[in-house]
C-alpha atoms as a PDB file:
ATOM      1  CA  ILE A   1     -24.068  -4.001  -9.243  1.00  0.00           C
ATOM      2  CA  SER A   2     -21.725  -1.068  -8.847  1.00  0.00           C
ATOM      3  CA  GLU A   3     -17.951  -0.985  -9.098  1.00  0.00           C
ATOM      4  CA  ASN A   4     -17.914  -1.076  -5.297  1.00  0.00           C
ATOM      5  CA  SER A   5     -19.971  -4.261  -5.167  1.00  0.00           C
ATOM      6  CA  VAL A   6     -20.284  -6.251  -1.976  1.00  0.00           C
ATOM      7  CA  LEU A   7     -18.333  -9.485  -1.743  1.00  0.00           C
ATOM      8  CA  GLY A   8     -19.536 -10.791   1.565  1.00  0.00           C
ATOM      9  CA  GLU A   9     -20.868 -10.151   5.008  1.00  0.00           C
ATOM     10  CA  LYS A  10     -19.213 -10.609   8.354  1.00  0.00           C
ATOM     11  CA  TYR A  11     -21.472 -11.105  11.346  1.00  0.00           C
ATOM     12  CA  ASP A  12     -20.243  -9.802  14.667  1.00  0.00           C
ATOM     13  CA  SER A  13     -22.316  -9.619  17.856  1.00  0.00           C
ATOM     14  CA  GLY A  14     -25.520 -10.213  15.932  1.00  0.00           C
ATOM     15  CA  SER A  15     -25.097  -7.283  13.548  1.00  0.00           C
ATOM     16  CA  ALA A  16     -24.124  -7.447   9.905  1.00  0.00           C
ATOM     17  CA  HIS A  17     -20.898  -5.789   8.799  1.00  0.00           C
ATOM     18  CA  ILE A  18     -20.517  -5.493   5.068  1.00  0.00           C
ATOM     19  CA  SER A  19     -17.083  -6.176   3.636  1.00  0.00           C
ATOM     20  CA  GLY A  20     -16.886  -4.959   0.062  1.00  0.00           C
ATOM     21  CA  ILE A  21     -14.416  -4.540  -2.701  1.00  0.00           C
ATOM     22  CA  SER A  22     -13.310  -0.967  -3.138  1.00  0.00           C
ATOM     23  CA  THR A  23     -11.729   0.556  -6.213  1.00  0.00           C
ATOM     24  CA  ALA A  24     -12.713   4.173  -5.532  1.00  0.00           C
ATOM     25  CA  CYS A  25     -10.781   6.883  -7.303  1.00  0.00           C
ATOM     26  CA  GLY A  26     -11.681  10.522  -7.317  1.00  0.00           C
ATOM     27  CA  ASN A  27     -11.261  13.813  -5.551  1.00  0.00           C
ATOM     28  CA  ALA A  28     -12.154  12.567  -2.070  1.00  0.00           C
ATOM     29  CA  PRO A  29     -10.706   9.492  -0.350  1.00  0.00           C
ATOM     30  CA  GLU A  30     -13.039   6.594   0.261  1.00  0.00           C
ATOM     31  CA  GLN A  31     -13.555   6.159   3.992  1.00  0.00           C
ATOM     32  CA  LEU A  32     -13.774   2.547   5.136  1.00  0.00           C
ATOM     33  CA  ARG A  33     -15.143   1.655   8.577  1.00  0.00           C
ATOM     34  CA  ALA A  34     -15.935  -2.043   8.077  1.00  0.00           C
ATOM     35  CA  PRO A  35     -13.845  -4.350  10.293  1.00  0.00           C
ATOM     36  CA  SER A  36     -12.476  -6.054   7.173  1.00  0.00           C
ATOM     37  CA  GLY A  37     -12.484  -5.510   3.453  1.00  0.00           C
ATOM     38  CA  ILE A  38     -10.752  -5.763   0.109  1.00  0.00           C
ATOM     39  CA  ILE A  39      -9.221  -2.934  -1.890  1.00  0.00           C
ATOM     40  CA  THR A  40      -8.116  -3.248  -5.511  1.00  0.00           C
ATOM     41  CA  SER A  41      -6.637  -0.949  -8.086  1.00  0.00           C
ATOM     42  CA  PRO A  42      -9.221   0.187 -10.654  1.00  0.00           C
ATOM     43  CA  GLY A  43      -9.825  -2.501 -13.267  1.00  0.00           C
ATOM     44  CA  TRP A  44      -8.095  -5.288 -11.336  1.00  0.00           C
ATOM     45  CA  PRO A  45      -7.421  -8.065 -12.413  1.00  0.00           C
ATOM     46  CA  LEU A  46      -7.134  -6.251 -15.751  1.00  0.00           C
ATOM     47  CA  ASN A  47      -4.728  -3.347 -16.182  1.00  0.00           C
ATOM     48  CA  TYR A  48      -5.387  -0.154 -14.257  1.00  0.00           C
ATOM     49  CA  PRO A  49      -5.890   3.046 -16.283  1.00  0.00           C
ATOM     50  CA  THR A  50      -3.346   5.805 -16.787  1.00  0.00           C
ATOM     51  CA  ARG A  51      -3.601   8.970 -14.689  1.00  0.00           C
ATOM     52  CA  ALA A  52      -5.319   7.278 -11.765  1.00  0.00           C
ATOM     53  CA  ASN A  53      -5.217   8.900  -8.342  1.00  0.00           C
ATOM     54  CA  CYS A  54      -7.002   6.854  -5.714  1.00  0.00           C
ATOM     55  CA  SER A  55      -7.040   7.058  -1.941  1.00  0.00           C
ATOM     56  CA  TRP A  56      -8.610   5.154   0.906  1.00  0.00           C
ATOM     57  CA  TYR A  57      -8.833   5.970   4.591  1.00  0.00           C
ATOM     58  CA  ILE A  58      -9.341   2.956   6.849  1.00  0.00           C
ATOM     59  CA  ARG A  59     -10.444   3.698  10.392  1.00  0.00           C
ATOM     60  CA  ALA A  60     -10.660   1.083  13.138  1.00  0.00           C
ATOM     61  CA  ASN A  61     -12.140   1.444  16.601  1.00  0.00           C
ATOM     62  CA  THR A  62     -10.102   3.141  19.324  1.00  0.00           C
ATOM     63  CA  GLU A  63      -7.104   1.062  20.451  1.00  0.00           C
ATOM     64  CA  GLU A  64      -7.420  -1.319  17.494  1.00  0.00           C
ATOM     65  CA  ILE A  65      -4.822  -1.795  14.790  1.00  0.00           C
ATOM     66  CA  ILE A  66      -5.139  -2.470  11.083  1.00  0.00           C
ATOM     67  CA  THR A  67      -3.364  -5.349   9.360  1.00  0.00           C
ATOM     68  CA  ILE A  68      -2.995  -5.158   5.578  1.00  0.00           C
ATOM     69  CA  SER A  69      -2.023  -8.168   3.496  1.00  0.00           C
ATOM     70  CA  PHE A  70      -1.464  -8.230  -0.278  1.00  0.00           C
ATOM     71  CA  GLN A  71      -2.820 -11.084  -2.391  1.00  0.00           C
ATOM     72  CA  ASP A  72      -1.689  -9.679  -5.757  1.00  0.00           C
ATOM     73  CA  PHE A  73       0.712  -6.892  -6.715  1.00  0.00           C
ATOM     74  CA  ASP A  74       1.945  -5.763 -10.139  1.00  0.00           C
ATOM     75  CA  VAL A  75       2.516  -1.995 -10.381  1.00  0.00           C
ATOM     76  CA  GLN A  76       4.838  -0.493 -13.018  1.00  0.00           C
ATOM     77  CA  SER A  77       8.371  -0.514 -11.692  1.00  0.00           C
ATOM     78  CA  SER A  78      10.532   2.612 -11.869  1.00  0.00           C
ATOM     79  CA  ALA A  79      13.481   4.149 -10.059  1.00  0.00           C
ATOM     80  CA  TRP A  80      12.340   5.234  -6.587  1.00  0.00           C
ATOM     81  CA  CYS A  81       8.788   4.197  -7.621  1.00  0.00           C
ATOM     82  CA  SER A  82       8.412   7.589  -9.291  1.00  0.00           C
ATOM     83  CA  ALA A  83       6.016   6.537 -12.102  1.00  0.00           C
ATOM     84  CA  ASP A  84       3.244   4.354 -10.660  1.00  0.00           C
ATOM     85  CA  TRP A  85       3.121   3.632  -6.929  1.00  0.00           C
ATOM     86  CA  LEU A  86       1.128   2.691  -3.870  1.00  0.00           C
ATOM     87  CA  THR A  87       1.754   4.178  -0.426  1.00  0.00           C
ATOM     88  CA  ILE A  88       0.533   3.085   2.981  1.00  0.00           C
ATOM     89  CA  GLY A  89       0.928   5.356   5.967  1.00  0.00           C
ATOM     90  CA  THR A  90      -0.565   6.863   9.077  1.00  0.00           C
ATOM     91  CA  TYR A  91      -0.890  10.468   7.951  1.00  0.00           C
ATOM     92  CA  LYS A  92      -2.809  11.972   5.030  1.00  0.00           C
ATOM     93  CA  ASN A  93      -0.163  14.477   3.974  1.00  0.00           C
ATOM     94  CA  LEU A  94       2.969  12.526   4.873  1.00  0.00           C
ATOM     95  CA  GLU A  95       4.007   9.768   2.539  1.00  0.00           C
ATOM     96  CA  GLY A  96       4.254   6.356   4.086  1.00  0.00           C
ATOM     97  CA  THR A  97       5.874   3.244   2.676  1.00  0.00           C
ATOM     98  CA  ARG A  98       6.010   3.571  -1.159  1.00  0.00           C
ATOM     99  CA  VAL A  99       6.015   0.393  -3.256  1.00  0.00           C
ATOM    100  CA  CYS A 100       5.977  -0.585  -6.929  1.00  0.00           C
ATOM    101  CA  GLY A 101       7.118  -3.523  -9.060  1.00  0.00           C
ATOM    102  CA  SER A 102       5.872  -7.090  -9.150  1.00  0.00           C
ATOM    103  CA  SER A 103       7.048  -8.489  -5.809  1.00  0.00           C
ATOM    104  CA  ILE A 104       4.215  -8.851  -3.312  1.00  0.00           C
ATOM    105  CA  PRO A 105       4.943  -6.502  -0.392  1.00  0.00           C
ATOM    106  CA  GLY A 106       5.001  -7.896   3.106  1.00  0.00           C
ATOM    107  CA  PRO A 107       2.067  -7.263   5.434  1.00  0.00           C
ATOM    108  CA  TYR A 108       1.657  -3.832   6.981  1.00  0.00           C
ATOM    109  CA  ILE A 109       0.606  -3.524  10.619  1.00  0.00           C
ATOM    110  CA  SER A 110      -0.461  -0.067  11.713  1.00  0.00           C
ATOM    111  CA  SER A 111       0.637   1.573  14.917  1.00  0.00           C
ATOM    112  CA  GLN A 112      -2.622   3.525  15.206  1.00  0.00           C
ATOM    113  CA  GLU A 113      -6.318   3.028  14.507  1.00  0.00           C
ATOM    114  CA  HIS A 114      -6.183   4.585  11.047  1.00  0.00           C
ATOM    115  CA  VAL A 115      -4.304   4.115   7.773  1.00  0.00           C
ATOM    116  CA  TRP A 116      -4.121   6.063   4.513  1.00  0.00           C
ATOM    117  CA  ILE A 117      -3.597   4.140   1.262  1.00  0.00           C
ATOM    118  CA  LYS A 118      -2.840   6.038  -1.944  1.00  0.00           C
ATOM    119  CA  PHE A 119      -2.403   4.733  -5.485  1.00  0.00           C
ATOM    120  CA  HIS A 120      -1.062   6.748  -8.419  1.00  0.00           C
ATOM    121  CA  SER A 121      -0.440   5.907 -12.070  1.00  0.00           C
ATOM    122  CA  ASP A 122       1.277   8.199 -14.540  1.00  0.00           C
ATOM    123  CA  ASP A 123       0.315   8.786 -18.179  1.00  0.00           C
ATOM    124  CA  ARG A 124       2.408   5.998 -19.677  1.00  0.00           C
ATOM    125  CA  TYR A 125       2.432   2.265 -18.975  1.00  0.00           C
ATOM    126  CA  THR A 126      -0.037   0.301 -16.900  1.00  0.00           C
ATOM    127  CA  ARG A 127       0.017  -3.107 -15.268  1.00  0.00           C
ATOM    128  CA  LYS A 128      -2.387  -5.441 -13.490  1.00  0.00           C
ATOM    129  CA  GLY A 129      -2.356  -3.470 -10.229  1.00  0.00           C
ATOM    130  CA  PHE A 130      -3.035  -4.796  -6.768  1.00  0.00           C
ATOM    131  CA  ARG A 131      -5.457  -6.576  -4.508  1.00  0.00           C
ATOM    132  CA  LEU A 132      -5.149  -6.263  -0.752  1.00  0.00           C
ATOM    133  CA  SER A 133      -7.251  -7.173   2.226  1.00  0.00           C
ATOM    134  CA  TYR A 134      -7.411  -5.507   5.596  1.00  0.00           C
ATOM    135  CA  ILE A 135      -8.694  -6.516   8.992  1.00  0.00           C
ATOM    136  CA  THR A 136      -9.053  -4.430  12.127  1.00  0.00           C
ATOM    137  CA  GLY A 137      -8.875  -5.509  15.740  1.00  0.00           C
ATOM    138  CA  ILE A 138      -6.538  -6.072  18.630  1.00  0.00           C
ATOM    139  CA  ASP A 139      -3.546  -8.239  17.707  1.00  0.00           C
ATOM    140  CA  THR A 140      -4.997  -9.108  14.290  1.00  0.00           C
ATOM    141  CA  ILE A 141      -2.081 -10.466  12.305  1.00  0.00           C
ATOM    142  CA  PHE A 142      -2.539 -12.557   9.190  1.00  0.00           C
ATOM    143  CA  PHE A 143       0.141 -12.949   6.582  1.00  0.00           C
ATOM    144  CA  ASN A 144       1.949 -15.196   4.158  1.00  0.00           C
ATOM    145  CA  SER A 145       5.072 -16.381   5.980  1.00  0.00           C
ATOM    146  CA  ASP A 146       7.037 -16.367   2.690  1.00  0.00           C
ATOM    147  CA  VAL A 147       7.236 -12.559   2.637  1.00  0.00           C
ATOM    148  CA  PRO A 148       8.857 -10.271   5.215  1.00  0.00           C
ATOM    149  CA  LEU A 149       6.685  -8.599   7.828  1.00  0.00           C
ATOM    150  CA  VAL A 150       6.582  -4.787   7.870  1.00  0.00           C
ATOM    151  CA  LEU A 151       5.911  -3.145  11.238  1.00  0.00           C
ATOM    152  CA  CYS A 152       5.411   0.604  10.989  1.00  0.00           C
ATOM    153  CA  TYR A 153       5.418   2.982  13.888  1.00  0.00           C
ATOM    154  CA  PRO A 154       5.596   6.771  13.750  1.00  0.00           C
ATOM    155  CA  ARG A 155       8.752   7.718  11.810  1.00  0.00           C
ATOM    156  CA  CYS A 156      10.054   4.144  11.640  1.00  0.00           C
ATOM    157  CA  CYS A 157       9.480   0.951   9.664  1.00  0.00           C
ATOM    158  CA  SER A 158      11.036  -2.378  10.538  1.00  0.00           C
ATOM    159  CA  PHE A 159      11.278  -5.370   8.213  1.00  0.00           C
ATOM    160  CA  TRP A 160      11.183  -8.867   9.673  1.00  0.00           C
ATOM    161  CA  ALA A 161      12.013 -11.966   7.646  1.00  0.00           C
END
């Protein structure tokens, strides 16, 4: 079984959609087209390595949105999240919401049918990392009501408690 091993299957309209766990890191972003899935930092639930640069590109069907919910989050904290960080955003070359620390971020709901997720660790300390799940669809919202909701639209993020 590879590092990107399959966790389960989701059946939709008689066809099988594979939802796997993804920890891909490398030169090219991993492209995810499954309607749902799980992404973790490399090594999770153990510590992630130093000098990791990972990226994922989630693409939903036209007119669908992507809802991301964190189940676990422990990324080295630093001022302005300058050491280790995770970003979620709409554009490949524009940084989205940057997070670090040990507080589980609120859910992210995309404004478009695609999302870029990037994870970076520096050459010093490491932590446990993160585990998140995503689901695509129309009006697909699932979240833990104990954390604020993050709604991101082009050039704007709103936080709802």
